[in-house]
């Protein structure tokens, strides 16, 4: 009886290892293309309900994210051992291109693309810092979130960051 159960489990594990091996050797250009497509999809989705209230705004904060520090225009976020910096400018509208224009000044990013609809303007920028480190920047209007990411985390980081940037709800003070 144990052999009948053990063989399928071993086969499933071997197939999983093979799949993960192929996923990890996926061409980086393909990874970048998937990140661009998936990030645009998140941008176009309906705004997530906020679950964190800051002094001047509220936002959706994905699970595992913690606010380490808060100031008038910044949040320093942590997820495991990774730091994310969220900058918000309440003077800029959701259609502002200011952060995108600043991001456009960098020479030769691996990816710099923008998305827009009738009410918002967003973008993503990925730049290589070192062999396995990438600067990831996501923006929507006057909101910009940056982090340093590794290749295997880039897509997930981009999606979570776009969810946060997309969810900012300004409060009147």
N, C-alpha and C. Protein backbone atom coordinates (compact mmCIF):
# COMPACT_ATOMS: atom_id res chain seq x y z
N UNK A 1 0.82 -1.20 0.00
CA UNK A 1 0.00 0.00 0.00
C UNK A 1 0.87 1.27 0.00
N UNK A 2 1.95 1.27 0.79
CA UNK A 2 2.80 2.45 0.86
C UNK A 2 3.50 2.71 -0.46
N UNK A 3 3.88 1.66 -1.20
CA UNK A 3 4.53 1.84 -2.49
C UNK A 3 3.58 2.50 -3.49
N UNK A 4 2.31 2.15 -3.44
CA UNK A 4 1.33 2.74 -4.35
C UNK A 4 1.17 4.23 -4.11
N UNK A 5 1.29 4.67 -2.90
CA UNK A 5 1.18 6.09 -2.57
C UNK A 5 2.51 6.80 -2.81
N UNK A 6 3.61 6.15 -2.49
CA UNK A 6 4.93 6.76 -2.60
C UNK A 6 5.35 7.07 -4.02
N UNK A 7 5.05 6.20 -4.97
CA UNK A 7 5.45 6.41 -6.36
C UNK A 7 4.82 7.68 -6.95
N UNK A 8 3.50 7.88 -6.81
CA UNK A 8 2.93 9.14 -7.34
C UNK A 8 3.50 10.38 -6.65
N UNK A 9 3.76 10.30 -5.38
CA UNK A 9 4.33 11.44 -4.66
C UNK A 9 5.71 11.76 -5.21
N UNK A 10 6.54 10.75 -5.43
CA UNK A 10 7.88 10.95 -5.99
C UNK A 10 7.77 11.54 -7.39
N UNK A 11 6.87 11.05 -8.20
CA UNK A 11 6.69 11.57 -9.56
C UNK A 11 6.28 13.04 -9.52
N UNK A 12 5.35 13.37 -8.65
CA UNK A 12 4.91 14.76 -8.52
C UNK A 12 6.07 15.65 -8.08
N UNK A 13 6.84 15.19 -7.12
CA UNK A 13 8.00 15.98 -6.66
C UNK A 13 9.02 16.18 -7.76
N UNK A 14 9.30 15.14 -8.54
CA UNK A 14 10.26 15.25 -9.65
C UNK A 14 9.73 16.24 -10.69
N UNK A 15 8.46 16.16 -11.02
CA UNK A 15 7.87 17.09 -11.99
C UNK A 15 7.93 18.53 -11.47
N UNK A 16 7.69 18.70 -10.18
CA UNK A 16 7.77 20.03 -9.57
C UNK A 16 9.19 20.58 -9.67
N UNK A 17 10.18 19.76 -9.37
CA UNK A 17 11.58 20.20 -9.45
C UNK A 17 11.94 20.57 -10.88
N UNK A 18 11.49 19.78 -11.84
CA UNK A 18 11.76 20.08 -13.25
C UNK A 18 11.10 21.41 -13.63
N UNK A 19 9.84 21.60 -13.23
CA UNK A 19 9.14 22.84 -13.52
C UNK A 19 9.87 24.04 -12.91
N UNK A 20 10.26 23.92 -11.66
CA UNK A 20 10.96 25.03 -10.99
C UNK A 20 12.29 25.32 -11.65
N UNK A 21 12.97 24.29 -12.13
CA UNK A 21 14.25 24.49 -12.83
C UNK A 21 14.02 25.30 -14.10
N UNK A 22 13.00 24.94 -14.87
CA UNK A 22 12.71 25.67 -16.10
C UNK A 22 12.24 27.09 -15.80
N UNK A 23 11.48 27.28 -14.75
CA UNK A 23 11.03 28.61 -14.37
C UNK A 23 12.22 29.50 -14.01
N UNK A 24 13.20 28.93 -13.32
CA UNK A 24 14.33 29.75 -12.87
C UNK A 24 15.29 30.08 -14.00
N UNK A 25 15.23 29.32 -15.11
CA UNK A 25 16.13 29.63 -16.22
C UNK A 25 15.39 30.33 -17.36
N UNK A 26 14.19 30.80 -17.07
CA UNK A 26 13.40 31.54 -18.05
C UNK A 26 14.22 32.76 -18.48
N UNK A 27 14.27 33.04 -19.78
CA UNK A 27 15.02 34.22 -20.24
C UNK A 27 14.53 35.49 -19.55
N UNK A 28 15.48 36.33 -19.18
CA UNK A 28 15.13 37.53 -18.43
C UNK A 28 14.21 38.45 -19.22
N UNK A 29 14.39 38.48 -20.54
CA UNK A 29 13.51 39.31 -21.38
C UNK A 29 12.06 38.85 -21.24
N UNK A 30 11.85 37.55 -21.12
CA UNK A 30 10.51 37.01 -20.94
C UNK A 30 9.96 37.39 -19.57
N UNK A 31 10.80 37.36 -18.56
CA UNK A 31 10.40 37.76 -17.21
C UNK A 31 9.97 39.23 -17.22
N UNK A 32 10.75 40.08 -17.86
CA UNK A 32 10.44 41.51 -17.95
C UNK A 32 9.10 41.72 -18.66
N UNK A 33 8.88 41.01 -19.76
CA UNK A 33 7.63 41.13 -20.51
C UNK A 33 6.43 40.72 -19.64
N UNK A 34 6.57 39.63 -18.89
CA UNK A 34 5.50 39.19 -18.00
C UNK A 34 5.22 40.22 -16.91
N UNK A 35 6.29 40.80 -16.36
CA UNK A 35 6.12 41.83 -15.33
C UNK A 35 5.37 43.02 -15.90
N UNK A 36 5.73 43.46 -17.09
CA UNK A 36 5.05 44.59 -17.71
C UNK A 36 3.56 44.30 -17.91
N UNK A 37 3.25 43.14 -18.47
CA UNK A 37 1.87 42.76 -18.73
C UNK A 37 1.07 42.63 -17.44
N UNK A 38 1.63 41.91 -16.47
CA UNK A 38 0.92 41.68 -15.21
C UNK A 38 0.73 42.97 -14.41
N UNK A 39 1.72 43.85 -14.44
CA UNK A 39 1.62 45.11 -13.71
C UNK A 39 0.54 46.00 -14.33
N UNK A 40 0.47 46.01 -15.65
CA UNK A 40 -0.58 46.79 -16.30
C UNK A 40 -1.96 46.25 -15.94
N UNK A 41 -2.10 44.93 -15.87
CA UNK A 41 -3.37 44.33 -15.49
C UNK A 41 -3.79 44.76 -14.08
N UNK A 42 -2.83 44.77 -13.14
CA UNK A 42 -3.14 45.22 -11.78
C UNK A 42 -3.51 46.70 -11.78
N UNK A 43 -2.80 47.49 -12.58
CA UNK A 43 -3.12 48.92 -12.68
C UNK A 43 -4.55 49.13 -13.14
N UNK A 44 -5.00 48.34 -14.10
CA UNK A 44 -6.33 48.49 -14.68
C UNK A 44 -7.44 47.89 -13.83
N UNK A 45 -7.07 47.06 -12.84
CA UNK A 45 -8.08 46.47 -11.96
C UNK A 45 -8.69 47.53 -11.06
N UNK A 46 -9.81 47.18 -10.48
CA UNK A 46 -10.47 48.08 -9.54
C UNK A 46 -9.58 48.27 -8.32
N UNK A 47 -9.57 49.47 -7.81
CA UNK A 47 -8.78 49.83 -6.64
C UNK A 47 -9.14 48.93 -5.46
N UNK A 48 -8.13 48.39 -4.77
CA UNK A 48 -8.36 47.55 -3.60
C UNK A 48 -8.80 48.40 -2.42
N UNK A 49 -9.59 47.81 -1.55
CA UNK A 49 -10.05 48.50 -0.36
C UNK A 49 -8.86 48.74 0.58
N UNK A 50 -8.78 49.94 1.12
CA UNK A 50 -7.67 50.28 2.01
C UNK A 50 -7.79 49.54 3.34
N UNK A 51 -6.62 49.23 3.91
CA UNK A 51 -6.59 48.55 5.21
C UNK A 51 -5.54 49.15 6.15
N UNK A 52 -4.92 50.28 5.73
CA UNK A 52 -3.96 50.97 6.59
C UNK A 52 -4.25 52.46 6.50
N UNK A 53 -4.35 53.09 7.66
CA UNK A 53 -4.66 54.51 7.74
C UNK A 53 -3.42 55.27 8.21
N UNK A 54 -2.86 56.10 7.33
CA UNK A 54 -1.75 56.98 7.70
C UNK A 54 -2.34 58.34 8.06
N UNK A 55 -1.49 59.29 8.38
CA UNK A 55 -1.98 60.60 8.79
C UNK A 55 -2.70 61.33 7.64
N UNK A 56 -2.14 61.29 6.43
CA UNK A 56 -2.69 62.06 5.32
C UNK A 56 -3.34 61.22 4.22
N UNK A 57 -3.34 59.92 4.36
CA UNK A 57 -3.89 59.05 3.32
C UNK A 57 -4.11 57.67 3.88
N UNK A 58 -4.79 56.85 3.13
CA UNK A 58 -4.93 55.44 3.48
C UNK A 58 -4.56 54.62 2.24
N UNK A 59 -4.25 53.36 2.46
CA UNK A 59 -3.85 52.50 1.35
C UNK A 59 -4.08 51.04 1.70
N UNK A 60 -4.04 50.22 0.67
CA UNK A 60 -4.05 48.77 0.85
C UNK A 60 -2.62 48.34 1.12
N UNK A 61 -2.41 47.63 2.21
CA UNK A 61 -1.09 47.12 2.58
C UNK A 61 -1.17 45.59 2.52
N UNK A 62 -0.47 44.96 1.56
CA UNK A 62 -0.52 43.49 1.46
C UNK A 62 -0.06 42.81 2.74
N UNK A 63 -0.50 41.58 2.93
CA UNK A 63 -0.07 40.78 4.09
C UNK A 63 1.45 40.71 4.11
N UNK A 64 2.01 40.60 5.26
CA UNK A 64 3.44 40.50 5.51
C UNK A 64 4.18 41.84 5.46
N UNK A 65 3.50 42.91 5.01
CA UNK A 65 4.14 44.22 5.01
C UNK A 65 3.91 44.88 6.35
N UNK A 66 4.95 45.51 6.86
CA UNK A 66 4.86 46.25 8.11
C UNK A 66 5.35 47.67 7.88
N UNK A 67 4.70 48.63 8.52
CA UNK A 67 5.16 50.01 8.45
C UNK A 67 6.24 50.17 9.50
N UNK A 68 7.43 50.47 9.03
CA UNK A 68 8.57 50.65 9.93
C UNK A 68 8.69 52.10 10.39
N UNK A 69 8.36 53.02 9.48
CA UNK A 69 8.49 54.44 9.81
C UNK A 69 7.50 55.22 8.95
N UNK A 70 6.96 56.29 9.52
CA UNK A 70 6.01 57.13 8.78
C UNK A 70 6.38 58.58 8.99
N UNK A 71 6.39 59.35 7.89
CA UNK A 71 6.59 60.79 7.98
C UNK A 71 5.50 61.45 7.14
N UNK A 72 5.58 62.75 6.98
CA UNK A 72 4.54 63.48 6.27
C UNK A 72 4.37 62.98 4.84
N UNK A 73 5.43 62.66 4.16
CA UNK A 73 5.30 62.27 2.75
C UNK A 73 5.92 60.90 2.43
N UNK A 74 6.28 60.13 3.42
CA UNK A 74 6.90 58.83 3.18
C UNK A 74 6.43 57.76 4.14
N UNK A 75 6.43 56.55 3.66
CA UNK A 75 6.30 55.37 4.51
C UNK A 75 7.49 54.48 4.20
N UNK A 76 8.14 53.99 5.23
CA UNK A 76 9.18 52.99 5.07
C UNK A 76 8.53 51.67 5.46
N UNK A 77 8.47 50.76 4.49
CA UNK A 77 7.81 49.48 4.69
C UNK A 77 8.84 48.36 4.70
N UNK A 78 8.53 47.30 5.41
CA UNK A 78 9.38 46.12 5.46
C UNK A 78 8.55 44.89 5.16
N UNK A 79 9.15 43.99 4.43
CA UNK A 79 8.58 42.66 4.21
C UNK A 79 9.76 41.72 4.28
N UNK A 80 9.75 40.89 5.29
CA UNK A 80 10.90 40.02 5.59
C UNK A 80 12.12 40.92 5.74
N UNK A 81 13.17 40.73 4.95
CA UNK A 81 14.37 41.56 5.10
C UNK A 81 14.49 42.61 3.99
N UNK A 82 13.39 42.89 3.30
CA UNK A 82 13.40 43.83 2.19
C UNK A 82 12.70 45.12 2.59
N UNK A 83 13.28 46.26 2.19
CA UNK A 83 12.74 47.57 2.49
C UNK A 83 12.09 48.17 1.25
N UNK A 84 10.95 48.80 1.44
CA UNK A 84 10.22 49.49 0.39
C UNK A 84 10.00 50.92 0.86
N UNK A 85 10.20 51.88 -0.03
CA UNK A 85 9.97 53.27 0.32
C UNK A 85 8.80 53.79 -0.51
N UNK A 86 7.77 54.24 0.17
CA UNK A 86 6.60 54.81 -0.48
C UNK A 86 6.64 56.31 -0.27
N UNK A 87 6.65 57.04 -1.37
CA UNK A 87 6.63 58.50 -1.35
C UNK A 87 5.29 58.95 -1.93
N UNK A 88 4.64 59.88 -1.27
CA UNK A 88 3.38 60.40 -1.80
C UNK A 88 3.40 61.91 -1.75
N UNK A 89 2.83 62.48 -2.79
CA UNK A 89 2.76 63.92 -2.91
C UNK A 89 1.30 64.29 -3.13
N UNK A 90 0.66 64.77 -2.09
CA UNK A 90 -0.77 65.10 -2.14
C UNK A 90 -1.06 66.26 -3.09
N UNK A 91 -0.03 67.01 -3.50
CA UNK A 91 -0.24 68.12 -4.43
C UNK A 91 -0.35 67.64 -5.87
N UNK A 92 0.04 66.41 -6.14
CA UNK A 92 -0.05 65.85 -7.48
C UNK A 92 -1.34 65.05 -7.60
N UNK A 93 -1.95 65.09 -8.77
CA UNK A 93 -3.19 64.35 -9.01
C UNK A 93 -2.86 62.91 -9.42
N UNK A 94 -3.89 62.10 -9.53
CA UNK A 94 -3.72 60.70 -9.94
C UNK A 94 -3.27 60.58 -11.40
N UNK A 95 -3.37 61.67 -12.17
CA UNK A 95 -2.92 61.65 -13.57
C UNK A 95 -1.55 62.30 -13.74
N UNK A 96 -0.93 62.69 -12.65
CA UNK A 96 0.37 63.36 -12.72
C UNK A 96 1.43 62.46 -13.36
N UNK A 97 2.28 63.08 -14.16
CA UNK A 97 3.39 62.38 -14.82
C UNK A 97 4.74 62.79 -14.23
N UNK A 98 4.72 63.54 -13.15
CA UNK A 98 5.95 64.08 -12.57
C UNK A 98 6.96 62.99 -12.22
N UNK A 99 6.54 61.96 -11.49
CA UNK A 99 7.47 60.89 -11.11
C UNK A 99 7.95 60.10 -12.32
N UNK A 100 7.08 59.90 -13.30
CA UNK A 100 7.46 59.21 -14.53
C UNK A 100 8.53 60.01 -15.28
N UNK A 101 8.34 61.32 -15.36
CA UNK A 101 9.32 62.17 -16.05
C UNK A 101 10.68 62.09 -15.36
N UNK A 102 10.67 62.07 -14.04
CA UNK A 102 11.93 61.92 -13.29
C UNK A 102 12.56 60.56 -13.58
N UNK A 103 11.74 59.50 -13.59
CA UNK A 103 12.24 58.15 -13.87
C UNK A 103 12.79 58.06 -15.29
N UNK A 104 12.24 58.85 -16.21
CA UNK A 104 12.67 58.82 -17.62
C UNK A 104 14.06 59.41 -17.81
N UNK A 105 14.56 60.12 -16.82
CA UNK A 105 15.88 60.74 -16.95
C UNK A 105 17.02 59.72 -16.85
N UNK A 106 16.74 58.55 -16.31
CA UNK A 106 17.77 57.52 -16.17
C UNK A 106 18.11 56.92 -17.54
N UNK A 107 19.37 56.71 -17.77
CA UNK A 107 19.79 56.11 -19.03
C UNK A 107 19.62 54.60 -19.00
N UNK A 108 19.09 54.07 -20.06
CA UNK A 108 19.01 52.63 -20.32
C UNK A 108 18.41 51.77 -19.21
N UNK A 109 17.20 52.07 -18.75
CA UNK A 109 16.58 51.13 -17.82
C UNK A 109 16.23 49.85 -18.57
N UNK A 110 16.11 48.76 -17.86
CA UNK A 110 15.70 47.50 -18.48
C UNK A 110 14.24 47.58 -18.93
N UNK A 111 13.45 48.32 -18.17
CA UNK A 111 12.04 48.51 -18.50
C UNK A 111 11.61 49.87 -17.98
N UNK A 112 10.96 50.62 -18.83
CA UNK A 112 10.30 51.85 -18.44
C UNK A 112 9.08 51.97 -19.33
N UNK A 113 7.93 51.79 -18.74
CA UNK A 113 6.69 51.86 -19.50
C UNK A 113 5.61 52.47 -18.64
N UNK A 114 4.62 53.04 -19.31
CA UNK A 114 3.54 53.70 -18.58
C UNK A 114 2.20 53.12 -18.98
N UNK A 115 1.22 53.34 -18.12
CA UNK A 115 -0.15 52.90 -18.33
C UNK A 115 -1.06 54.07 -17.95
N UNK A 116 -2.20 54.16 -18.60
CA UNK A 116 -3.14 55.20 -18.19
C UNK A 116 -4.56 54.80 -18.54
N UNK A 117 -5.46 55.41 -17.81
CA UNK A 117 -6.88 55.32 -18.14
C UNK A 117 -7.42 56.74 -17.98
N UNK A 118 -8.71 56.92 -17.95
CA UNK A 118 -9.28 58.27 -17.89
C UNK A 118 -8.97 58.99 -16.59
N UNK A 119 -8.69 58.24 -15.54
CA UNK A 119 -8.55 58.85 -14.21
C UNK A 119 -7.16 58.77 -13.60
N UNK A 120 -6.25 57.95 -14.19
CA UNK A 120 -4.95 57.73 -13.55
C UNK A 120 -3.85 57.56 -14.59
N UNK A 121 -2.63 57.81 -14.14
CA UNK A 121 -1.44 57.56 -14.94
C UNK A 121 -0.48 56.78 -14.06
N UNK A 122 0.03 55.66 -14.56
CA UNK A 122 0.97 54.85 -13.79
C UNK A 122 2.14 54.42 -14.64
N UNK A 123 3.16 53.92 -13.98
CA UNK A 123 4.35 53.46 -14.69
C UNK A 123 5.11 52.42 -13.87
N UNK A 124 6.03 51.76 -14.56
CA UNK A 124 6.97 50.85 -13.92
C UNK A 124 8.34 51.08 -14.53
N UNK A 125 9.34 51.05 -13.67
CA UNK A 125 10.74 51.16 -14.12
C UNK A 125 11.54 50.08 -13.42
N UNK A 126 12.35 49.37 -14.19
CA UNK A 126 13.28 48.39 -13.64
C UNK A 126 14.66 48.73 -14.17
N UNK A 127 15.61 48.86 -13.27
CA UNK A 127 16.99 49.16 -13.63
C UNK A 127 17.90 48.18 -12.92
N UNK A 128 18.90 47.72 -13.62
CA UNK A 128 19.85 46.79 -13.01
C UNK A 128 20.88 47.58 -12.22
N UNK A 129 21.11 47.14 -10.98
CA UNK A 129 22.10 47.78 -10.12
C UNK A 129 23.39 46.98 -10.09
N UNK A 130 23.25 45.71 -9.80
CA UNK A 130 24.38 44.78 -9.78
C UNK A 130 23.94 43.53 -10.52
N UNK A 131 24.80 42.52 -10.54
CA UNK A 131 24.50 41.32 -11.32
C UNK A 131 23.12 40.74 -11.01
N UNK A 132 22.77 40.67 -9.75
CA UNK A 132 21.50 40.04 -9.38
C UNK A 132 20.59 40.98 -8.60
N UNK A 133 20.84 42.28 -8.65
CA UNK A 133 20.02 43.25 -7.94
C UNK A 133 19.42 44.25 -8.91
N UNK A 134 18.14 44.54 -8.69
CA UNK A 134 17.41 45.44 -9.57
C UNK A 134 16.67 46.47 -8.76
N UNK A 135 16.67 47.72 -9.24
CA UNK A 135 15.85 48.75 -8.62
C UNK A 135 14.50 48.70 -9.31
N UNK A 136 13.46 48.58 -8.53
CA UNK A 136 12.10 48.51 -9.03
C UNK A 136 11.37 49.75 -8.53
N UNK A 137 10.74 50.46 -9.45
CA UNK A 137 10.00 51.67 -9.11
C UNK A 137 8.62 51.59 -9.78
N UNK A 138 7.61 51.79 -8.98
CA UNK A 138 6.22 51.77 -9.44
C UNK A 138 5.60 53.09 -9.05
N UNK A 139 4.84 53.69 -9.96
CA UNK A 139 4.19 54.95 -9.62
C UNK A 139 2.79 55.04 -10.18
N UNK A 140 1.94 55.73 -9.45
CA UNK A 140 0.60 56.09 -9.91
C UNK A 140 0.37 57.52 -9.44
N UNK A 141 0.25 58.44 -10.41
CA UNK A 141 0.06 59.85 -10.06
C UNK A 141 1.18 60.34 -9.17
N UNK A 142 0.83 60.92 -8.03
CA UNK A 142 1.82 61.46 -7.10
C UNK A 142 2.39 60.44 -6.13
N UNK A 143 2.17 59.16 -6.38
CA UNK A 143 2.66 58.10 -5.51
C UNK A 143 3.79 57.35 -6.22
N UNK A 144 4.87 57.10 -5.48
CA UNK A 144 5.99 56.34 -6.03
C UNK A 144 6.47 55.37 -4.95
N UNK A 145 6.69 54.12 -5.35
CA UNK A 145 7.21 53.11 -4.42
C UNK A 145 8.46 52.51 -5.05
N UNK A 146 9.53 52.41 -4.27
CA UNK A 146 10.76 51.82 -4.77
C UNK A 146 11.27 50.74 -3.82
N UNK A 147 12.01 49.81 -4.40
CA UNK A 147 12.68 48.77 -3.63
C UNK A 147 13.85 48.24 -4.44
N UNK A 148 14.72 47.51 -3.79
CA UNK A 148 15.78 46.75 -4.45
C UNK A 148 15.33 45.30 -4.40
N UNK A 149 15.30 44.66 -5.55
CA UNK A 149 14.74 43.33 -5.65
C UNK A 149 15.70 42.40 -6.38
N UNK A 150 15.48 41.11 -6.19
CA UNK A 150 16.22 40.09 -6.93
C UNK A 150 15.31 39.57 -8.04
N UNK A 151 15.90 38.96 -9.06
CA UNK A 151 15.15 38.49 -10.23
C UNK A 151 13.95 37.63 -9.83
N UNK A 152 14.15 36.71 -8.90
CA UNK A 152 13.06 35.79 -8.55
C UNK A 152 11.94 36.45 -7.76
N UNK A 153 12.14 37.68 -7.30
CA UNK A 153 11.11 38.40 -6.54
C UNK A 153 10.51 39.57 -7.31
N UNK A 154 11.10 39.90 -8.45
CA UNK A 154 10.69 41.10 -9.17
C UNK A 154 9.20 41.14 -9.50
N UNK A 155 8.69 40.05 -10.05
CA UNK A 155 7.29 40.07 -10.47
C UNK A 155 6.34 40.22 -9.29
N UNK A 156 6.56 39.45 -8.25
CA UNK A 156 5.70 39.56 -7.07
C UNK A 156 5.81 40.94 -6.44
N UNK A 157 7.04 41.46 -6.34
CA UNK A 157 7.22 42.81 -5.79
C UNK A 157 6.47 43.84 -6.62
N UNK A 158 6.58 43.75 -7.95
CA UNK A 158 5.92 44.71 -8.83
C UNK A 158 4.41 44.68 -8.64
N UNK A 159 3.85 43.49 -8.54
CA UNK A 159 2.40 43.37 -8.39
C UNK A 159 1.93 43.95 -7.06
N UNK A 160 2.63 43.62 -5.98
CA UNK A 160 2.24 44.14 -4.67
C UNK A 160 2.42 45.66 -4.60
N UNK A 161 3.49 46.14 -5.20
CA UNK A 161 3.73 47.59 -5.19
C UNK A 161 2.67 48.33 -6.00
N UNK A 162 2.26 47.76 -7.13
CA UNK A 162 1.21 48.40 -7.93
C UNK A 162 -0.12 48.37 -7.18
N UNK A 163 -0.40 47.30 -6.46
CA UNK A 163 -1.62 47.25 -5.65
C UNK A 163 -1.63 48.39 -4.64
N UNK A 164 -0.48 48.60 -3.98
CA UNK A 164 -0.40 49.67 -2.98
C UNK A 164 -0.55 51.04 -3.63
N UNK A 165 0.24 51.30 -4.67
CA UNK A 165 0.22 52.61 -5.33
C UNK A 165 -1.16 52.91 -5.89
N UNK A 166 -1.81 51.91 -6.40
CA UNK A 166 -3.14 52.03 -7.00
C UNK A 166 -4.22 52.32 -5.96
N UNK A 167 -3.96 51.97 -4.71
CA UNK A 167 -5.00 52.04 -3.68
C UNK A 167 -4.98 53.32 -2.85
N UNK A 168 -4.00 54.16 -3.04
CA UNK A 168 -3.89 55.37 -2.21
C UNK A 168 -5.16 56.19 -2.26
N UNK A 169 -5.69 56.51 -1.11
CA UNK A 169 -6.86 57.37 -0.97
C UNK A 169 -6.45 58.55 -0.10
N UNK A 170 -6.39 59.72 -0.67
CA UNK A 170 -5.99 60.90 0.07
C UNK A 170 -7.10 61.36 1.00
N UNK A 171 -6.70 61.88 2.15
CA UNK A 171 -7.67 62.42 3.10
C UNK A 171 -7.49 63.93 3.14
N UNK A 172 -8.57 64.64 3.37
CA UNK A 172 -8.51 66.09 3.46
C UNK A 172 -8.14 66.49 4.88
N UNK A 173 -7.08 67.24 5.01
CA UNK A 173 -6.65 67.75 6.32
C UNK A 173 -6.65 69.25 6.32
